[in-house]
Protein backbone atom coordinates (compact mmCIF):
# COMPACT_ATOMS: atom_id res chain seq x y z
CA MET A 1 0.10 0.08 -0.01
CA ASP A 2 2.88 2.48 0.87
CA GLN A 3 4.68 2.03 -2.37
CA LEU A 4 1.34 2.45 -4.24
CA VAL A 5 0.69 5.70 -2.26
CA ASP A 6 4.30 6.83 -3.30
CA ALA A 7 3.87 6.05 -6.79
CA LEU A 8 0.68 7.89 -7.17
CA LYS A 9 2.13 10.82 -5.55
CA ALA A 10 4.98 10.96 -7.46
CA VAL A 11 2.85 11.04 -10.59
CA GLY A 12 0.26 13.04 -9.36
CA GLU A 13 1.88 16.33 -10.23
CA PRO A 14 1.35 18.26 -13.58
CA SER A 15 4.97 18.83 -14.56
CA ARG A 16 5.79 15.06 -13.38
CA LEU A 17 2.76 13.83 -15.36
CA ARG A 18 4.16 15.76 -18.42
CA ILE A 19 7.52 13.97 -17.64
CA VAL A 20 5.99 10.51 -17.70
CA SER A 21 4.01 11.22 -20.78
CA VAL A 22 7.22 12.21 -22.73
CA LEU A 23 9.64 9.54 -21.36
CA ALA A 24 6.82 6.72 -22.07
CA ARG A 25 7.63 7.30 -25.78
CA ILE A 26 11.39 7.77 -25.67
CA GLU A 27 14.50 7.65 -23.11
CA LEU A 28 15.74 11.47 -22.92
CA THR A 29 18.65 12.71 -20.78
CA VAL A 30 18.14 15.76 -18.44
CA GLY A 31 18.87 18.26 -20.61
CA GLU A 32 16.85 17.17 -23.37
CA LEU A 33 13.99 16.82 -21.28
CA CYS A 34 14.52 20.38 -20.09
CA ARG A 35 14.06 21.45 -23.39
CA VAL A 36 11.02 19.37 -23.77
CA ILE A 37 9.09 20.56 -20.68
CA GLY A 38 10.72 23.99 -20.60
CA GLN A 39 11.94 23.80 -16.90
CA SER A 40 15.34 24.58 -15.26
CA GLN A 41 17.57 21.37 -14.75
CA PRO A 42 17.85 21.68 -10.99
CA ARG A 43 13.99 21.68 -11.16
CA THR A 44 13.63 18.87 -13.77
CA SER A 45 16.50 16.73 -11.74
CA ARG A 46 14.13 17.14 -8.60
CA HIS A 47 11.18 15.57 -10.83
CA LEU A 48 13.28 12.78 -12.23
CA ARG A 49 14.85 11.81 -8.75
CA LEU A 50 11.14 11.62 -7.04
CA LEU A 51 9.72 9.64 -10.08
CA CYS A 52 12.91 7.18 -9.93
CA ASP A 53 12.67 6.80 -6.02
CA ALA A 54 8.82 5.88 -6.36
CA GLY A 55 9.74 3.13 -8.82
CA VAL A 56 8.00 5.01 -11.93
CA LEU A 57 11.25 5.74 -13.74
CA GLU A 58 14.84 4.20 -14.14
CA ARG A 59 18.08 6.13 -14.82
CA HIS A 60 20.88 4.47 -16.80
CA ALA A 61 24.08 6.14 -16.66
CA GLU A 62 26.63 6.30 -19.36
CA GLY A 63 29.83 7.99 -19.08
CA THR A 64 28.98 11.51 -18.29
CA SER A 65 25.35 11.27 -19.31
CA ALA A 66 22.36 9.64 -18.22
CA PHE A 67 19.31 8.61 -19.73
CA TYR A 68 15.68 8.44 -18.02
CA ARG A 69 13.02 5.73 -18.89
CA PRO A 70 10.15 3.95 -17.53
CA ALA A 71 11.21 1.43 -15.11
CA ALA A 72 11.31 -2.04 -16.45
CA SER A 73 9.10 -3.61 -14.18
CA GLY A 74 7.47 -3.28 -11.01
CA LEU A 75 4.27 -1.63 -9.42
CA GLY A 76 5.42 1.68 -10.52
CA ARG A 77 5.80 0.64 -14.07
CA GLU A 78 2.19 -1.13 -13.98
CA LEU A 79 0.83 2.32 -12.81
CA LEU A 80 2.86 4.20 -15.65
CA ASP A 81 1.35 1.97 -18.35
CA VAL A 82 -2.07 2.61 -16.85
CA VAL A 83 -1.63 6.44 -16.69
CA LYS A 84 -0.07 7.13 -20.18
CA THR A 85 -3.22 5.47 -21.48
CA LEU A 86 -5.32 8.35 -19.67
CA VAL A 87 -3.08 11.31 -20.83
CA ASP A 88 -4.97 13.38 -23.63
CA ASP A 89 -2.31 14.41 -26.30
CA ALA A 90 -4.62 17.05 -27.26
CA ASP A 91 -4.03 18.51 -23.87
CA PRO A 92 -2.31 22.03 -24.52
CA ALA A 93 0.53 21.18 -22.21
CA ILE A 94 0.99 17.95 -23.56
CA ALA A 95 0.73 18.85 -27.18
CA ARG A 96 3.56 21.73 -26.54
CA ASP A 97 5.61 19.25 -25.11
CA LEU A 98 5.30 16.71 -27.96
CA GLU A 99 6.23 19.59 -30.25
CA ARG A 100 9.54 20.17 -28.47
CA LEU A 101 9.89 16.55 -28.14
CA SER A 102 9.77 16.47 -32.16
CA ALA A 103 12.36 18.96 -32.44
CA VAL A 104 14.45 17.14 -30.00
CA ARG A 105 14.42 14.19 -32.03
CA GLU A 106 15.06 16.14 -35.31
CA ALA A 107 18.21 17.47 -33.95
CA ARG A 108 19.23 14.06 -32.78
CA ALA A 109 18.63 12.77 -36.22
CA ALA A 110 20.29 15.93 -38.18
CA GLU A 111 23.36 15.28 -35.99
CA ALA A 112 23.76 11.62 -37.09
CA GLU A 113 22.85 12.55 -40.70
CA ALA A 114 25.66 15.17 -40.81
CA TYR A 115 27.96 12.49 -39.58
CA PHE A 116 27.31 10.07 -41.82
CA SER A 117 27.28 12.03 -44.71
CA ARG A 118 30.82 13.51 -43.58
CA ILE A 119 32.20 10.19 -43.26
CA ALA A 120 30.22 7.99 -45.90
CA THR A 121 33.29 6.96 -47.93
CA ASN A 122 35.42 5.67 -45.31
CA TRP A 123 32.66 4.34 -42.69
CA ASP A 124 33.92 0.83 -42.88
CA GLN A 125 37.42 1.77 -41.58
CA ILE A 126 35.94 4.00 -38.76
CA ARG A 127 33.36 1.31 -37.49
CA PHE A 128 36.16 -1.55 -37.37
CA ARG A 129 38.45 0.52 -35.82
CA HIS A 130 38.66 -1.53 -32.53
CA VAL A 131 38.67 -4.84 -34.01
CA ALA A 132 39.86 -6.33 -37.12
CA ASP A 133 36.75 -6.46 -39.45
CA GLU A 134 37.76 -9.92 -40.67
CA ASP A 135 37.46 -11.31 -37.38
CA VAL A 136 33.98 -9.79 -36.81
CA GLU A 137 32.70 -11.03 -40.44
CA VAL A 138 34.05 -14.53 -39.45
CA ALA A 139 32.17 -14.88 -36.41
CA LEU A 140 29.20 -13.75 -38.31
CA LEU A 141 29.27 -16.33 -40.90
CA GLU A 142 30.06 -19.09 -38.38
CA ALA A 143 26.74 -17.55 -36.34
CA VAL A 144 24.36 -18.56 -39.02
CA GLN A 145 25.08 -22.36 -38.94
CA SER A 146 24.15 -22.74 -42.55
CA ASP A 147 25.99 -22.87 -45.72
CA ARG A 148 22.63 -21.84 -47.66
CA ILE A 149 20.51 -18.69 -46.46
CA GLY A 150 17.34 -17.96 -48.54
CA SER A 151 16.91 -14.16 -47.09
CA LEU A 152 18.81 -11.78 -45.43
CA LEU A 153 18.06 -8.48 -43.80
CA ASP A 154 20.81 -6.02 -43.10
CA ILE A 155 19.35 -3.27 -40.53
CA GLY A 156 21.77 0.04 -40.74
CA THR A 157 23.45 -1.39 -44.10
CA GLY A 158 25.72 1.72 -44.31
CA THR A 159 28.33 0.74 -47.03
CA GLY A 160 26.46 -2.45 -47.85
CA ARG A 161 29.40 -4.45 -46.18
CA MET A 162 27.64 -7.29 -44.78
CA LEU A 163 25.52 -7.83 -47.86
CA GLU A 164 28.93 -8.32 -49.68
CA VAL A 165 30.13 -11.01 -46.64
CA PHE A 166 26.81 -13.13 -46.91
CA ALA A 167 26.54 -12.55 -50.79
CA ASP A 168 27.55 -16.09 -51.68
CA ARG A 169 25.19 -17.88 -49.22
CA ILE A 170 22.01 -15.87 -49.56
CA ASP A 171 19.44 -16.19 -52.27
CA ARG A 172 18.36 -12.56 -51.68
CA GLY A 173 19.64 -9.82 -49.53
CA LEU A 174 17.87 -6.27 -48.45
CA GLY A 175 19.84 -3.74 -46.70
CA ILE A 176 18.03 -0.71 -45.18
CA ASP A 177 19.29 2.77 -43.74
CA GLN A 178 18.29 6.24 -43.13
CA SER A 179 21.27 7.72 -44.53
CA ARG A 180 20.92 8.46 -48.57
CA PRO A 181 24.63 9.09 -48.99
CA MET A 182 25.72 5.95 -47.01
CA LEU A 183 23.11 4.25 -49.42
CA ASN A 184 24.57 5.61 -52.51
CA VAL A 185 27.82 4.11 -51.48
CA ALA A 186 26.38 0.84 -50.58
CA ARG A 187 24.53 0.83 -54.07
CA ALA A 188 28.29 1.48 -55.89
CA ASN A 189 29.68 -1.26 -54.13
CA LEU A 190 27.19 -3.51 -54.74
CA ASP A 191 27.16 -2.96 -58.40
CA ALA A 192 31.07 -3.13 -58.39
CA GLU A 193 31.07 -6.42 -56.86
CA GLY A 194 28.17 -7.53 -59.21
CA LEU A 195 25.63 -8.26 -56.74
CA ALA A 196 22.50 -8.16 -58.27
CA HIS A 197 20.89 -10.50 -55.84
CA CYS A 198 21.24 -7.76 -53.07
CA ARG A 199 19.49 -4.41 -52.73
CA VAL A 200 19.35 -1.49 -50.45
CA ARG A 201 16.50 0.97 -49.66
CA HIS A 202 15.81 4.03 -47.40
CA ALA A 203 13.75 2.78 -44.55
CA ASP A 204 12.98 3.59 -40.79
CA VAL A 205 14.17 0.77 -38.57
CA TYR A 206 11.11 1.65 -35.94
CA ASP A 207 8.64 1.53 -38.86
CA LEU A 208 9.86 -1.50 -41.17
CA ASP A 209 7.36 -1.60 -44.00
CA LEU A 210 8.06 -5.39 -44.62
CA PRO A 211 6.29 -8.56 -44.56
CA ALA A 212 6.12 -10.49 -41.11
CA GLY A 213 8.35 -13.70 -41.33
CA SER A 214 9.86 -13.05 -44.25
CA PHE A 215 13.87 -13.25 -43.44
CA ASP A 216 15.77 -16.07 -42.42
CA VAL A 217 18.50 -13.97 -40.86
CA ALA A 218 18.66 -10.41 -39.79
CA VAL A 219 21.72 -8.60 -39.03
CA LEU A 220 22.14 -5.49 -36.96
CA HIS A 221 25.92 -4.72 -37.14
CA HIS A 222 27.16 -1.58 -34.92
CA VAL A 223 23.69 -0.12 -35.48
CA LEU A 224 21.99 -0.04 -31.82
CA HIS A 225 24.63 2.53 -30.36
CA PHE A 226 23.23 4.89 -32.69
CA LEU A 227 19.69 4.57 -31.87
CA ASP A 228 17.30 6.27 -29.23
CA ASP A 229 15.35 2.99 -28.51
CA PRO A 230 17.45 0.02 -29.59
CA ALA A 231 14.81 -2.29 -27.59
CA ASP A 232 12.38 -1.27 -30.38
CA ALA A 233 14.57 -1.59 -33.22
CA ILE A 234 15.21 -5.24 -31.82
CA ALA A 235 11.50 -5.91 -31.66
CA GLN A 236 10.95 -4.42 -35.25
CA THR A 237 13.74 -6.47 -36.66
CA ALA A 238 12.48 -9.73 -34.70
CA ARG A 239 8.66 -9.35 -36.33
CA THR A 240 10.43 -9.77 -40.07
CA LEU A 241 12.13 -13.26 -39.20
CA LYS A 242 10.78 -16.54 -40.16
CA PRO A 243 10.11 -19.21 -37.47
CA GLY A 244 13.70 -20.51 -36.37
CA GLY A 245 15.14 -17.23 -38.12
CA ARG A 246 18.22 -15.95 -36.33
CA MET A 247 19.09 -12.45 -35.44
CA LEU A 248 22.83 -11.18 -35.22
CA VAL A 249 23.59 -8.39 -33.26
CA VAL A 250 27.08 -6.86 -33.24
CA ASP A 251 27.89 -3.88 -31.00
CA TYR A 252 30.28 -2.68 -28.32
CA GLN A 253 30.13 -4.27 -24.69
CA LEU A 254 29.45 -1.54 -21.97
CA HIS A 255 32.17 1.13 -21.90
CA ASN A 256 33.17 4.78 -20.58
CA LEU A 257 34.58 6.14 -23.68
CA GLU A 258 32.64 9.45 -23.74
CA PHE A 259 34.93 10.63 -27.15
CA LEU A 260 32.65 8.24 -29.17
CA ARG A 261 29.54 10.21 -28.20
CA SER A 262 31.15 13.62 -29.17
CA ASP A 263 33.20 12.59 -31.92
CA TYR A 264 31.42 9.83 -33.67
CA ALA A 265 27.61 10.60 -32.56
CA HIS A 266 27.32 7.09 -30.53
CA ARG A 267 23.95 7.81 -28.73
CA ARG A 268 24.84 4.77 -26.36
CA LEU A 269 28.34 3.69 -24.83
CA GLY A 270 27.98 0.13 -25.35
CA PHE A 271 25.53 -2.48 -23.78
CA ASP A 272 25.77 -5.33 -21.11
CA ASP A 273 24.58 -8.83 -21.78
CA ASP A 274 21.47 -8.78 -19.75
CA GLU A 275 20.35 -5.88 -21.27
CA VAL A 276 20.50 -7.15 -24.54
CA ASN A 277 18.93 -10.53 -23.45
CA SER A 278 15.98 -8.52 -21.91
CA TRP A 279 15.31 -6.98 -25.38
CA PHE A 280 15.44 -10.47 -27.10
CA GLN A 281 12.96 -12.03 -24.66
CA ASP A 282 10.73 -9.09 -25.21
CA ALA A 283 10.68 -9.37 -28.92
CA ASP A 284 10.04 -13.23 -28.55
CA LEU A 285 13.43 -14.38 -29.05
CA ASP A 286 15.59 -16.88 -27.54
CA ARG A 287 19.22 -16.09 -27.02
CA GLU A 288 21.45 -18.39 -28.42
CA SER A 289 25.01 -17.28 -27.86
CA ILE A 290 27.30 -14.80 -27.11
CA ARG A 291 31.12 -14.07 -28.36
CA TYR A 292 33.36 -11.47 -27.31
CA LEU A 293 35.98 -10.17 -29.85
CA ASN A 294 38.60 -8.20 -28.49
CA GLY A 295 40.61 -5.61 -30.68
CA PRO A 296 44.27 -5.32 -31.03
CA LYS A 297 44.71 -2.73 -28.26
CA ALA A 298 44.86 -3.53 -24.67
CA GLY A 299 44.37 -0.97 -22.05
CA PRO A 300 41.66 1.81 -21.06
CA ASP A 301 40.68 3.22 -24.32
CA SER A 302 40.28 -0.30 -25.77
CA LEU A 303 36.88 -1.62 -26.82
CA THR A 304 35.40 -5.09 -26.66
CA THR A 305 32.91 -6.10 -29.79
CA VAL A 306 30.46 -8.65 -28.87
CA LEU A 307 28.36 -10.75 -31.05
CA TRP A 308 24.96 -11.74 -29.63
CA THR A 309 22.95 -14.28 -31.31
CA ALA A 310 19.01 -15.03 -30.92
CA VAL A 311 16.62 -17.23 -32.58
CA ARG A 312 12.72 -16.49 -33.06
CA TRP A 313 10.47 -19.06 -31.46
CA PRO A 314 9.00 -21.35 -34.06
CA SER A 315 5.42 -21.02 -32.61
CA LEU A 316 5.23 -17.26 -33.32
CA ALA A 317 5.71 -17.15 -37.07
CA THR A 318 4.08 -18.75 -39.78
CA THR A 319 6.37 -19.23 -42.57
CA ALA A 320 8.89 -21.57 -43.60
CA PRO A 321 12.33 -22.32 -41.42
CA ILE A 322 15.74 -21.16 -42.48
CA GLY A 323 17.01 -21.70 -45.99
CA THR A 324 14.01 -21.82 -47.68
CA GLU A 325 11.77 -19.51 -49.68
CA SER A 326 8.91 -17.63 -48.21
CA ASN A 327 5.44 -17.14 -49.90
CA SER A 328 4.77 -14.13 -47.52
CA SER A 329 5.52 -11.51 -50.12
CA PRO A 330 3.37 -12.26 -53.36
CA ASN A 331 6.03 -10.83 -55.84
CA ASN A 332 8.91 -12.43 -54.01
CA SER A 333 10.67 -8.82 -53.65
CA PHE A 334 11.65 -6.82 -50.46
CA GLU A 335 10.25 -3.33 -51.36
CA VAL A 336 10.57 -0.68 -48.57
CA ALA A 337 8.54 2.59 -49.14
CA SER A 338 10.68 5.60 -48.98
């Protein structure tokens, strides 16, 4: 009873109600939330502390920054799930917050887009800087456990390198990315290699315009640390997998190299195994394996690359198993609305 009363008191204040309404949509730093609700950092921080103490929100520290998001579980989370359905988005205060939130998201996207545009031609060299690309690619090929793959989806394809790596094993490959300069580079690379069975498209990972159960393998290669909502990206990607389809996630182990955020537009400073596993479970995936790949450097500035693999529960999809064709798309193509 005391816990419920504390949670109700925490949420039952106008500013804090606005905060939980915003954070129910996306995790934010204190600074970003200040811009959204138009309040000072000390005042916003006090609100956040009360909501965290009541179990409604949780704080995730990364280097010198901290992100706030709904609690993963517990009575406070249950209360938030109910409250957010009662908040009217047309309310003037909420509507203003959502307008400012859109501006924050646009600023994030513009920052990432500007970065990708600047380094489109040498992106492969940058993202493999801490571990040899050959080691990662060999690990990915071994993780598939099959010499033949019907269809492969590459999320955040960048220069299209993952499509090249799997090209001789797949019947068809689709790479998606939000950066048009990157897609131009990928198309040039695929054309140069004569990989006509591989395509790239402009698409949003949070809104994949693809048939459910249409891919045998999905790859997210050094993508999650650029995203506002990695969990949603995994869930959206999982939906596209066939029964028994495999997801391969490559990213950094949790670290404190803050320069990657300021210099390379990383939103997240790596991930821990429990966090990734919880995202898999929420997306109806069974984690299959974890493999750690260390770079040539040793010391406080080194990074460990991790390959997490997961398999979609067979009972939750309706198409054919890995390595076979799917009839879920009538024209057997992977077209994505741009």
